[in-house]
Amino acid sequence: MGCGCNKRNRQQWEVVVGGRIVYTSTNKSTAETVARRYDGSEVREKSQQQAGAGS
C-alpha cells in the first residue's frame, strides 16, 4: 500500500447551502454539478485548517 502523505494537502471543494456543508469532493467539477441541484448553493474551496481539523 502506498504512502498517504499527499492526501493531507489535496485540494477539496465544498457545496454549501445556507451555511451548511452538504457535499465535499476533491473534484471541483463534481462539486459544481452537485451544487446545481441545490437552490442558493455555492461551491467553495475547503480551507486547510478545516481539512486538518478532523484528523
PDB file of N, CA and C in Angstrom:
ATOM      1  N   MET A   1       0.842  -1.174   0.000  1.00  0.00           N
ATOM      2  CA  MET A   1       0.000   0.000   0.000  1.00  0.00           C
ATOM      3  C   MET A   1       0.890   1.240   0.000  1.00  0.00           C
ATOM      4  N   GLY A   2       0.491   2.235  -0.776  1.00  0.00           N
ATOM      5  CA  GLY A   2       1.295   3.448  -0.910  1.00  0.00           C
ATOM      6  C   GLY A   2       1.168   4.380   0.283  1.00  0.00           C
ATOM      7  N   CYS A   3       2.054   5.330   0.307  1.00  0.00           N
ATOM      8  CA  CYS A   3       2.066   6.340   1.374  1.00  0.00           C
ATOM      9  C   CYS A   3       0.883   7.288   1.219  1.00  0.00           C
ATOM     10  N   GLY A   4       0.277   7.701   2.315  1.00  0.00           N
ATOM     11  CA  GLY A   4      -0.854   8.622   2.285  1.00  0.00           C
ATOM     12  C   GLY A   4      -0.464  10.061   2.553  1.00  0.00           C
ATOM     13  N   CYS A   5       0.794  10.385   2.440  1.00  0.00           N
ATOM     14  CA  CYS A   5       1.288  11.724   2.775  1.00  0.00           C
ATOM     15  C   CYS A   5       0.629  12.826   1.959  1.00  0.00           C
ATOM     16  N   ASN A   6       0.379  12.582   0.690  1.00  0.00           N
ATOM     17  CA  ASN A   6      -0.180  13.618  -0.179  1.00  0.00           C
ATOM     18  C   ASN A   6      -1.654  13.881   0.076  1.00  0.00           C
ATOM     19  N   LYS A   7      -2.339  13.004   0.730  1.00  0.00           N
ATOM     20  CA  LYS A   7      -3.767  13.173   0.961  1.00  0.00           C
ATOM     21  C   LYS A   7      -4.059  14.391   1.837  1.00  0.00           C
ATOM     22  N   ARG A   8      -3.161  14.721   2.718  1.00  0.00           N
ATOM     23  CA  ARG A   8      -3.362  15.866   3.600  1.00  0.00           C
ATOM     24  C   ARG A   8      -3.464  17.174   2.841  1.00  0.00           C
ATOM     25  N   ASN A   9      -2.694  17.312   1.786  1.00  0.00           N
ATOM     26  CA  ASN A   9      -2.617  18.573   1.062  1.00  0.00           C
ATOM     27  C   ASN A   9      -3.502  18.600  -0.185  1.00  0.00           C
ATOM     28  N   ARG A  10      -4.339  17.613  -0.356  1.00  0.00           N
ATOM     29  CA  ARG A  10      -5.208  17.565  -1.522  1.00  0.00           C
ATOM     30  C   ARG A  10      -6.273  18.657  -1.420  1.00  0.00           C
ATOM     31  N   GLN A  11      -6.467  19.369  -2.505  1.00  0.00           N
ATOM     32  CA  GLN A  11      -7.468  20.437  -2.535  1.00  0.00           C
ATOM     33  C   GLN A  11      -8.859  19.830  -2.506  1.00  0.00           C
ATOM     34  N   GLN A  12      -9.740  20.388  -1.687  1.00  0.00           N
ATOM     35  CA  GLN A  12     -11.103  19.892  -1.588  1.00  0.00           C
ATOM     36  C   GLN A  12     -12.085  21.026  -1.820  1.00  0.00           C
ATOM     37  N   TRP A  13     -13.262  20.673  -2.317  1.00  0.00           N
ATOM     38  CA  TRP A  13     -14.321  21.627  -2.623  1.00  0.00           C
ATOM     39  C   TRP A  13     -15.567  21.256  -1.838  1.00  0.00           C
ATOM     40  N   GLU A  14     -16.266  22.271  -1.335  1.00  0.00           N
ATOM     41  CA  GLU A  14     -17.479  22.057  -0.555  1.00  0.00           C
ATOM     42  C   GLU A  14     -18.664  22.698  -1.262  1.00  0.00           C
ATOM     43  N   VAL A  15     -19.806  22.043  -1.186  1.00  0.00           N
ATOM     44  CA  VAL A  15     -21.065  22.632  -1.631  1.00  0.00           C
ATOM     45  C   VAL A  15     -21.770  23.076  -0.360  1.00  0.00           C
ATOM     46  N   VAL A  16     -22.071  24.375  -0.286  1.00  0.00           N
ATOM     47  CA  VAL A  16     -22.658  24.962   0.923  1.00  0.00           C
ATOM     48  C   VAL A  16     -24.031  25.540   0.597  1.00  0.00           C
ATOM     49  N   VAL A  17     -25.014  25.176   1.423  1.00  0.00           N
ATOM     50  CA  VAL A  17     -26.373  25.701   1.285  1.00  0.00           C
ATOM     51  C   VAL A  17     -26.786  26.278   2.629  1.00  0.00           C
ATOM     52  N   GLY A  18     -27.049  27.580   2.657  1.00  0.00           N
ATOM     53  CA  GLY A  18     -27.482  28.214   3.898  1.00  0.00           C
ATOM     54  C   GLY A  18     -26.504  28.048   5.046  1.00  0.00           C
ATOM     55  N   GLY A  19     -25.208  28.061   4.755  1.00  0.00           N
ATOM     56  CA  GLY A  19     -24.193  27.922   5.789  1.00  0.00           C
ATOM     57  C   GLY A  19     -23.901  26.490   6.197  1.00  0.00           C
ATOM     58  N   ARG A  20     -24.610  25.539   5.613  1.00  0.00           N
ATOM     59  CA  ARG A  20     -24.424  24.119   5.943  1.00  0.00           C
ATOM     60  C   ARG A  20     -23.726  23.398   4.792  1.00  0.00           C
ATOM     61  N   ILE A  21     -22.691  22.639   5.100  1.00  0.00           N
ATOM     62  CA  ILE A  21     -21.970  21.883   4.078  1.00  0.00           C
ATOM     63  C   ILE A  21     -22.780  20.634   3.757  1.00  0.00           C
ATOM     64  N   VAL A  22     -23.168  20.494   2.479  1.00  0.00           N
ATOM     65  CA  VAL A  22     -23.980  19.344   2.084  1.00  0.00           C
ATOM     66  C   VAL A  22     -23.193  18.321   1.270  1.00  0.00           C
ATOM     67  N   TYR A  23     -22.006  18.707   0.770  1.00  0.00           N
ATOM     68  CA  TYR A  23     -21.220  17.781  -0.044  1.00  0.00           C
ATOM     69  C   TYR A  23     -19.773  18.256  -0.073  1.00  0.00           C
ATOM     70  N   THR A  24     -18.828  17.332  -0.061  1.00  0.00           N
ATOM     71  CA  THR A  24     -17.399  17.641  -0.172  1.00  0.00           C
ATOM     72  C   THR A  24     -16.785  16.714  -1.208  1.00  0.00           C
ATOM     73  N   SER A  25     -15.914  17.273  -2.060  1.00  0.00           N
ATOM     74  CA  SER A  25     -15.287  16.486  -3.116  1.00  0.00           C
ATOM     75  C   SER A  25     -13.881  17.005  -3.389  1.00  0.00           C
ATOM     76  N   THR A  26     -13.040  16.149  -3.939  1.00  0.00           N
ATOM     77  CA  THR A  26     -11.714  16.577  -4.377  1.00  0.00           C
ATOM     78  C   THR A  26     -11.760  17.023  -5.836  1.00  0.00           C
ATOM     79  N   ASN A  27     -12.920  16.884  -6.471  1.00  0.00           N
ATOM     80  CA  ASN A  27     -13.088  17.259  -7.864  1.00  0.00           C
ATOM     81  C   ASN A  27     -14.034  18.453  -7.953  1.00  0.00           C
ATOM     82  N   LYS A  28     -13.524  19.596  -8.423  1.00  0.00           N
ATOM     83  CA  LYS A  28     -14.332  20.825  -8.485  1.00  0.00           C
ATOM     84  C   LYS A  28     -15.535  20.652  -9.406  1.00  0.00           C
ATOM     85  N   SER A  29     -15.340  20.000 -10.533  1.00  0.00           N
ATOM     86  CA  SER A  29     -16.431  19.800 -11.487  1.00  0.00           C
ATOM     87  C   SER A  29     -17.569  19.002 -10.888  1.00  0.00           C
ATOM     88  N   THR A  30     -17.259  17.987 -10.106  1.00  0.00           N
ATOM     89  CA  THR A  30     -18.286  17.190  -9.437  1.00  0.00           C
ATOM     90  C   THR A  30     -19.028  18.049  -8.418  1.00  0.00           C
ATOM     91  N   ALA A  31     -18.301  18.849  -7.668  1.00  0.00           N
ATOM     92  CA  ALA A  31     -18.923  19.729  -6.681  1.00  0.00           C
ATOM     93  C   ALA A  31     -19.858  20.729  -7.364  1.00  0.00           C
ATOM     94  N   GLU A  32     -19.452  21.259  -8.522  1.00  0.00           N
ATOM     95  CA  GLU A  32     -20.298  22.206  -9.260  1.00  0.00           C
ATOM     96  C   GLU A  32     -21.558  21.521  -9.779  1.00  0.00           C
ATOM     97  N   THR A  33     -21.441  20.278 -10.215  1.00  0.00           N
ATOM     98  CA  THR A  33     -22.598  19.522 -10.689  1.00  0.00           C
ATOM     99  C   THR A  33     -23.583  19.275  -9.555  1.00  0.00           C
ATOM    100  N   VAL A  34     -23.080  18.901  -8.394  1.00  0.00           N
ATOM    101  CA  VAL A  34     -23.932  18.674  -7.223  1.00  0.00           C
ATOM    102  C   VAL A  34     -24.596  19.984  -6.802  1.00  0.00           C
ATOM    103  N   ALA A  35     -23.853  21.090  -6.857  1.00  0.00           N
ATOM    104  CA  ALA A  35     -24.372  22.395  -6.431  1.00  0.00           C
ATOM    105  C   ALA A  35     -25.571  22.829  -7.270  1.00  0.00           C
ATOM    106  N   ARG A  36     -25.614  22.422  -8.526  1.00  0.00           N
ATOM    107  CA  ARG A  36     -26.747  22.780  -9.394  1.00  0.00           C
ATOM    108  C   ARG A  36     -28.061  22.188  -8.900  1.00  0.00           C
ATOM    109  N   ARG A  37     -27.969  21.153  -8.091  1.00  0.00           N
ATOM    110  CA  ARG A  37     -29.184  20.501  -7.580  1.00  0.00           C
ATOM    111  C   ARG A  37     -29.788  21.233  -6.382  1.00  0.00           C
ATOM    112  N   TYR A  38     -29.045  22.170  -5.810  1.00  0.00           N
ATOM    113  CA  TYR A  38     -29.496  22.890  -4.620  1.00  0.00           C
ATOM    114  C   TYR A  38     -29.655  24.380  -4.940  1.00  0.00           C
ATOM    115  N   ASP A  39     -30.854  24.923  -4.742  1.00  0.00           N
ATOM    116  CA  ASP A  39     -31.072  26.354  -4.950  1.00  0.00           C
ATOM    117  C   ASP A  39     -30.284  27.148  -3.920  1.00  0.00           C
ATOM    118  N   GLY A  40     -29.637  28.216  -4.359  1.00  0.00           N
ATOM    119  CA  GLY A  40     -28.903  29.089  -3.447  1.00  0.00           C
ATOM    120  C   GLY A  40     -27.611  28.504  -2.925  1.00  0.00           C
ATOM    121  N   SER A  41     -27.093  27.459  -3.566  1.00  0.00           N
ATOM    122  CA  SER A  41     -25.854  26.835  -3.089  1.00  0.00           C
ATOM    123  C   SER A  41     -24.637  27.547  -3.664  1.00  0.00           C
ATOM    124  N   GLU A  42     -23.508  27.317  -3.029  1.00  0.00           N
ATOM    125  CA  GLU A  42     -22.246  27.837  -3.536  1.00  0.00           C
ATOM    126  C   GLU A  42     -21.168  26.769  -3.402  1.00  0.00           C
ATOM    127  N   VAL A  43     -20.178  26.834  -4.293  1.00  0.00           N
ATOM    128  CA  VAL A  43     -19.039  25.921  -4.224  1.00  0.00           C
ATOM    129  C   VAL A  43     -17.867  26.743  -3.718  1.00  0.00           C
ATOM    130  N   ARG A  44     -17.222  26.251  -2.681  1.00  0.00           N
ATOM    131  CA  ARG A  44     -16.065  26.965  -2.140  1.00  0.00           C
ATOM    132  C   ARG A  44     -14.944  25.965  -1.868  1.00  0.00           C
ATOM    133  N   GLU A  45     -13.737  26.498  -1.863  1.00  0.00           N
ATOM    134  CA  GLU A  45     -12.575  25.668  -1.558  1.00  0.00           C
ATOM    135  C   GLU A  45     -12.532  25.446  -0.047  1.00  0.00           C
ATOM    136  N   LYS A  46     -12.294  24.214   0.344  1.00  0.00           N
ATOM    137  CA  LYS A  46     -12.187  23.895   1.760  1.00  0.00           C
ATOM    138  C   LYS A  46     -10.836  24.378   2.250  1.00  0.00           C
ATOM    139  N   SER A  47     -10.817  25.119   3.339  1.00  0.00           N
ATOM    140  CA  SER A  47      -9.550  25.638   3.856  1.00  0.00           C
ATOM    141  C   SER A  47      -8.720  24.516   4.452  1.00  0.00           C
ATOM    142  N   GLN A  48      -7.425  24.679   4.468  1.00  0.00           N
ATOM    143  CA  GLN A  48      -6.527  23.661   5.009  1.00  0.00           C
ATOM    144  C   GLN A  48      -6.754  23.472   6.497  1.00  0.00           C
ATOM    145  N   GLN A  49      -7.124  24.537   7.207  1.00  0.00           N
ATOM    146  CA  GLN A  49      -7.384  24.437   8.640  1.00  0.00           C
ATOM    147  C   GLN A  49      -8.579  23.522   8.892  1.00  0.00           C
ATOM    148  N   GLN A  50      -9.647  23.674   8.103  1.00  0.00           N
ATOM    149  CA  GLN A  50     -10.823  22.807   8.245  1.00  0.00           C
ATOM    150  C   GLN A  50     -10.487  21.384   7.845  1.00  0.00           C
ATOM    151  N   ALA A  51      -9.698  21.223   6.788  1.00  0.00           N
ATOM    152  CA  ALA A  51      -9.365  19.899   6.282  1.00  0.00           C
ATOM    153  C   ALA A  51      -8.591  19.091   7.322  1.00  0.00           C
ATOM    154  N   GLY A  52      -7.750  19.751   8.100  1.00  0.00           N
ATOM    155  CA  GLY A  52      -6.950  19.052   9.091  1.00  0.00           C
ATOM    156  C   GLY A  52      -7.640  18.876  10.435  1.00  0.00           C
ATOM    157  N   ALA A  53      -8.769  19.539  10.622  1.00  0.00           N
ATOM    158  CA  ALA A  53      -9.454  19.526  11.912  1.00  0.00           C
ATOM    159  C   ALA A  53      -9.996  18.150  12.278  1.00  0.00           C
ATOM    160  N   GLY A  54     -10.364  17.351  11.280  1.00  0.00           N
ATOM    161  CA  GLY A  54     -10.936  16.039  11.563  1.00  0.00           C
ATOM    162  C   GLY A  54      -9.921  14.969  11.876  1.00  0.00           C
ATOM    163  N   SER A  55      -8.652  15.247  11.642  1.00  0.00           N
ATOM    164  CA  SER A  55      -7.610  14.247  11.840  1.00  0.00           C
ATOM    165  C   SER A  55      -7.115  14.205  13.260  1.00  0.00           C
TER     166      SER A  55
END
